Amino acid sequence: MARVVVDVMLKPEILDPQGQAVQRALPRLGFEGIADVRQGKRFELEVEGPVDDAALARIHEIAETFLANTVIEDFSVKVEVGEGADAAAGKAGS
């Protein structure tokens, strides 16, 4: 099974109050040097069968109509390849 990742982020011109709250909290917690924080969502889709052009088109449609509000959010779709993808992505909590 292949994994396809859909990352959803607010468009740059949209105010991000959650990101701003995190940015303001970081110095109080001893983390300096972070200029900006933007909060987003990550969806990991396990796809049955090959991830061909038709499957990617279907996932783009899912992202555009269900996972993202395209009025205020942008999204990107990428295919993670191989079993080492989890380790390479630096999964937290492992």
N, C-alpha and C. Protein backbone atom coordinates (compact mmCIF):
# COMPACT_ATOMS: atom_id res chain seq x y z
N MET A 1 0.83 -1.18 0.00
CA MET A 1 0.00 0.00 0.00
C MET A 1 0.88 1.24 0.00
N ALA A 2 0.51 2.21 -0.76
CA ALA A 2 1.25 3.47 -0.83
C ALA A 2 0.58 4.50 0.06
N ARG A 3 1.39 5.41 0.55
CA ARG A 3 0.87 6.50 1.38
C ARG A 3 0.96 7.80 0.58
N VAL A 4 -0.15 8.52 0.56
CA VAL A 4 -0.19 9.84 -0.06
C VAL A 4 -0.48 10.84 1.04
N VAL A 5 0.31 11.90 1.09
CA VAL A 5 0.16 12.92 2.13
C VAL A 5 -0.43 14.17 1.52
N VAL A 6 -1.47 14.69 2.17
CA VAL A 6 -2.07 15.95 1.78
C VAL A 6 -1.81 16.94 2.91
N ASP A 7 -1.03 17.98 2.62
CA ASP A 7 -0.78 19.04 3.59
C ASP A 7 -1.67 20.22 3.25
N VAL A 8 -2.37 20.73 4.26
CA VAL A 8 -3.29 21.85 4.09
C VAL A 8 -2.81 23.00 4.97
N MET A 9 -2.63 24.16 4.35
CA MET A 9 -2.17 25.35 5.08
C MET A 9 -3.06 26.53 4.73
N LEU A 10 -3.22 27.45 5.70
CA LEU A 10 -3.91 28.68 5.38
C LEU A 10 -3.12 29.44 4.32
N LYS A 11 -3.83 30.11 3.43
CA LYS A 11 -3.17 30.93 2.42
C LYS A 11 -2.37 32.03 3.14
N PRO A 12 -1.26 32.47 2.55
CA PRO A 12 -0.40 33.45 3.23
C PRO A 12 -1.11 34.73 3.66
N GLU A 13 -2.11 35.14 2.91
CA GLU A 13 -2.80 36.39 3.23
C GLU A 13 -3.86 36.23 4.32
N ILE A 14 -4.10 35.02 4.78
CA ILE A 14 -5.11 34.75 5.80
C ILE A 14 -4.46 34.78 7.19
N LEU A 15 -5.06 35.51 8.10
CA LEU A 15 -4.58 35.60 9.48
C LEU A 15 -4.59 34.21 10.12
N ASP A 16 -3.53 33.88 10.85
CA ASP A 16 -3.39 32.58 11.50
C ASP A 16 -3.26 32.77 13.01
N PRO A 17 -4.38 32.89 13.73
CA PRO A 17 -4.31 33.15 15.17
C PRO A 17 -3.64 32.02 15.96
N GLN A 18 -3.81 30.77 15.54
CA GLN A 18 -3.14 29.68 16.26
C GLN A 18 -1.64 29.76 16.08
N GLY A 19 -1.19 30.03 14.88
CA GLY A 19 0.23 30.19 14.63
C GLY A 19 0.80 31.36 15.42
N GLN A 20 0.07 32.47 15.48
CA GLN A 20 0.52 33.63 16.23
C GLN A 20 0.62 33.33 17.72
N ALA A 21 -0.34 32.57 18.25
CA ALA A 21 -0.31 32.20 19.67
C ALA A 21 0.92 31.36 19.98
N VAL A 22 1.23 30.41 19.10
CA VAL A 22 2.42 29.58 19.30
C VAL A 22 3.67 30.45 19.23
N GLN A 23 3.73 31.34 18.24
CA GLN A 23 4.90 32.20 18.08
C GLN A 23 5.13 33.06 19.33
N ARG A 24 4.06 33.60 19.90
CA ARG A 24 4.20 34.43 21.11
C ARG A 24 4.60 33.60 22.32
N ALA A 25 4.19 32.33 22.37
CA ALA A 25 4.50 31.49 23.53
C ALA A 25 5.94 30.97 23.52
N LEU A 26 6.52 30.79 22.36
CA LEU A 26 7.85 30.18 22.26
C LEU A 26 8.92 30.90 23.09
N PRO A 27 9.05 32.23 23.01
CA PRO A 27 10.08 32.89 23.83
C PRO A 27 9.85 32.72 25.34
N ARG A 28 8.59 32.70 25.75
CA ARG A 28 8.30 32.50 27.18
C ARG A 28 8.72 31.12 27.64
N LEU A 29 8.78 30.17 26.69
CA LEU A 29 9.18 28.80 27.02
C LEU A 29 10.67 28.57 26.77
N GLY A 30 11.39 29.63 26.42
CA GLY A 30 12.83 29.52 26.24
C GLY A 30 13.28 29.19 24.83
N PHE A 31 12.38 29.25 23.87
CA PHE A 31 12.72 28.96 22.47
C PHE A 31 12.81 30.28 21.71
N GLU A 32 14.03 30.69 21.40
CA GLU A 32 14.27 31.97 20.72
C GLU A 32 14.57 31.73 19.24
N GLY A 33 14.44 32.79 18.46
CA GLY A 33 14.88 32.76 17.07
C GLY A 33 13.85 32.28 16.07
N ILE A 34 12.60 32.09 16.47
CA ILE A 34 11.56 31.68 15.52
C ILE A 34 10.82 32.93 15.06
N ALA A 35 10.92 33.23 13.78
CA ALA A 35 10.36 34.47 13.24
C ALA A 35 8.86 34.37 12.96
N ASP A 36 8.37 33.19 12.57
CA ASP A 36 6.96 33.07 12.22
C ASP A 36 6.52 31.62 12.40
N VAL A 37 5.26 31.43 12.71
CA VAL A 37 4.68 30.09 12.84
C VAL A 37 3.36 30.09 12.09
N ARG A 38 3.16 29.10 11.25
CA ARG A 38 1.88 28.90 10.57
C ARG A 38 1.39 27.51 10.93
N GLN A 39 0.15 27.40 11.29
CA GLN A 39 -0.45 26.13 11.69
C GLN A 39 -1.18 25.53 10.50
N GLY A 40 -1.13 24.21 10.36
CA GLY A 40 -1.81 23.55 9.25
C GLY A 40 -2.31 22.18 9.63
N LYS A 41 -2.72 21.43 8.63
CA LYS A 41 -3.23 20.06 8.83
C LYS A 41 -2.50 19.13 7.88
N ARG A 42 -2.30 17.89 8.33
CA ARG A 42 -1.67 16.86 7.50
C ARG A 42 -2.59 15.65 7.49
N PHE A 43 -2.89 15.19 6.29
CA PHE A 43 -3.70 13.98 6.11
C PHE A 43 -2.84 12.93 5.44
N GLU A 44 -2.82 11.72 6.00
CA GLU A 44 -2.10 10.60 5.41
C GLU A 44 -3.11 9.60 4.90
N LEU A 45 -3.11 9.37 3.60
CA LEU A 45 -4.06 8.47 2.97
C LEU A 45 -3.34 7.21 2.51
N GLU A 46 -3.78 6.07 2.97
CA GLU A 46 -3.23 4.79 2.53
C GLU A 46 -4.04 4.36 1.31
N VAL A 47 -3.37 4.23 0.18
CA VAL A 47 -4.04 3.98 -1.10
C VAL A 47 -3.89 2.51 -1.48
N GLU A 48 -5.01 1.88 -1.77
CA GLU A 48 -4.98 0.50 -2.27
C GLU A 48 -4.61 0.54 -3.74
N GLY A 49 -3.69 -0.30 -4.14
CA GLY A 49 -3.30 -0.36 -5.54
C GLY A 49 -2.27 0.70 -5.87
N PRO A 50 -1.95 0.81 -7.14
CA PRO A 50 -0.90 1.76 -7.56
C PRO A 50 -1.38 3.20 -7.47
N VAL A 51 -0.44 4.09 -7.20
CA VAL A 51 -0.75 5.52 -7.19
C VAL A 51 -0.39 6.06 -8.57
N ASP A 52 -1.33 5.90 -9.48
CA ASP A 52 -1.14 6.36 -10.85
C ASP A 52 -1.81 7.72 -11.02
N ASP A 53 -1.84 8.20 -12.25
CA ASP A 53 -2.44 9.52 -12.51
C ASP A 53 -3.90 9.57 -12.10
N ALA A 54 -4.63 8.49 -12.31
CA ALA A 54 -6.06 8.46 -11.94
C ALA A 54 -6.22 8.54 -10.43
N ALA A 55 -5.39 7.81 -9.69
CA ALA A 55 -5.47 7.85 -8.23
C ALA A 55 -5.11 9.24 -7.70
N LEU A 56 -4.07 9.84 -8.26
CA LEU A 56 -3.70 11.18 -7.84
C LEU A 56 -4.77 12.20 -8.17
N ALA A 57 -5.42 12.06 -9.32
CA ALA A 57 -6.51 12.96 -9.67
C ALA A 57 -7.66 12.83 -8.68
N ARG A 58 -7.95 11.59 -8.27
CA ARG A 58 -9.01 11.36 -7.28
C ARG A 58 -8.64 11.98 -5.93
N ILE A 59 -7.37 11.86 -5.53
CA ILE A 59 -6.93 12.43 -4.26
C ILE A 59 -6.95 13.95 -4.32
N HIS A 60 -6.57 14.54 -5.45
CA HIS A 60 -6.68 16.00 -5.61
C HIS A 60 -8.14 16.43 -5.46
N GLU A 61 -9.05 15.67 -6.04
CA GLU A 61 -10.48 15.99 -5.92
C GLU A 61 -10.93 15.90 -4.47
N ILE A 62 -10.49 14.86 -3.75
CA ILE A 62 -10.83 14.71 -2.33
C ILE A 62 -10.31 15.92 -1.55
N ALA A 63 -9.06 16.29 -1.80
CA ALA A 63 -8.46 17.41 -1.08
C ALA A 63 -9.20 18.71 -1.37
N GLU A 64 -9.53 18.92 -2.63
CA GLU A 64 -10.16 20.17 -3.04
C GLU A 64 -11.60 20.30 -2.54
N THR A 65 -12.32 19.18 -2.46
CA THR A 65 -13.74 19.25 -2.10
C THR A 65 -14.02 18.92 -0.64
N PHE A 66 -13.07 18.25 0.04
CA PHE A 66 -13.38 17.76 1.39
C PHE A 66 -12.33 18.14 2.43
N LEU A 67 -11.06 17.99 2.11
CA LEU A 67 -10.01 18.19 3.11
C LEU A 67 -9.62 19.65 3.30
N ALA A 68 -9.73 20.46 2.26
CA ALA A 68 -9.33 21.86 2.33
C ALA A 68 -10.49 22.77 1.96
N ASN A 69 -10.53 23.91 2.63
CA ASN A 69 -11.45 24.98 2.24
C ASN A 69 -10.64 25.88 1.31
N THR A 70 -10.79 25.69 0.02
CA THR A 70 -9.91 26.35 -0.95
C THR A 70 -10.11 27.87 -1.03
N VAL A 71 -11.11 28.39 -0.35
CA VAL A 71 -11.27 29.85 -0.28
C VAL A 71 -10.15 30.44 0.59
N ILE A 72 -9.81 29.73 1.68
CA ILE A 72 -8.81 30.26 2.62
C ILE A 72 -7.59 29.36 2.79
N GLU A 73 -7.59 28.17 2.17
CA GLU A 73 -6.49 27.23 2.37
C GLU A 73 -5.92 26.76 1.03
N ASP A 74 -4.61 26.51 1.04
CA ASP A 74 -3.92 25.85 -0.07
C ASP A 74 -3.62 24.43 0.37
N PHE A 75 -3.42 23.54 -0.60
CA PHE A 75 -3.03 22.18 -0.25
C PHE A 75 -1.98 21.68 -1.22
N SER A 76 -1.21 20.71 -0.75
CA SER A 76 -0.24 20.03 -1.61
C SER A 76 -0.41 18.53 -1.41
N VAL A 77 -0.12 17.79 -2.46
CA VAL A 77 -0.25 16.33 -2.45
C VAL A 77 1.11 15.74 -2.80
N LYS A 78 1.57 14.79 -1.99
CA LYS A 78 2.83 14.12 -2.32
C LYS A 78 2.72 12.64 -1.97
N VAL A 79 3.43 11.84 -2.73
CA VAL A 79 3.45 10.39 -2.52
C VAL A 79 4.69 10.06 -1.71
N GLU A 80 4.51 9.33 -0.61
CA GLU A 80 5.64 8.83 0.16
C GLU A 80 5.98 7.45 -0.36
N VAL A 81 7.24 7.23 -0.65
CA VAL A 81 7.67 6.00 -1.29
C VAL A 81 8.50 5.17 -0.32
N GLY A 82 8.23 3.87 -0.27
CA GLY A 82 9.07 2.94 0.48
C GLY A 82 8.77 2.89 1.96
N GLU A 83 9.27 1.83 2.60
CA GLU A 83 9.04 1.63 4.03
C GLU A 83 9.83 2.60 4.88
N GLY A 84 10.93 3.14 4.38
CA GLY A 84 11.74 4.06 5.15
C GLY A 84 11.18 5.46 5.21
N ALA A 85 10.01 5.68 4.60
CA ALA A 85 9.44 7.03 4.56
C ALA A 85 9.12 7.54 5.94
N ASP A 86 8.61 6.66 6.83
CA ASP A 86 8.30 7.10 8.18
C ASP A 86 9.54 7.56 8.91
N ALA A 87 10.62 6.83 8.83
CA ALA A 87 11.86 7.19 9.51
C ALA A 87 12.44 8.47 8.92
N ALA A 88 12.38 8.58 7.60
CA ALA A 88 12.94 9.77 6.95
C ALA A 88 12.15 11.02 7.30
N ALA A 89 10.85 10.86 7.56
CA ALA A 89 10.02 12.01 7.89
C ALA A 89 10.19 12.43 9.34
N GLY A 90 10.89 11.64 10.15
CA GLY A 90 11.12 11.99 11.54
C GLY A 90 9.87 11.95 12.38
N LYS A 91 9.15 10.84 12.33
CA LYS A 91 7.90 10.73 13.08
C LYS A 91 8.16 10.90 14.57
N ALA A 92 7.38 11.74 15.21
CA ALA A 92 7.50 11.94 16.66
C ALA A 92 6.88 10.78 17.40
N GLY A 93 7.40 10.51 18.58
CA GLY A 93 6.82 9.48 19.42
C GLY A 93 7.26 8.07 19.08
N SER A 94 8.20 7.89 18.14
CA SER A 94 8.65 6.54 17.82
C SER A 94 9.82 6.16 18.68
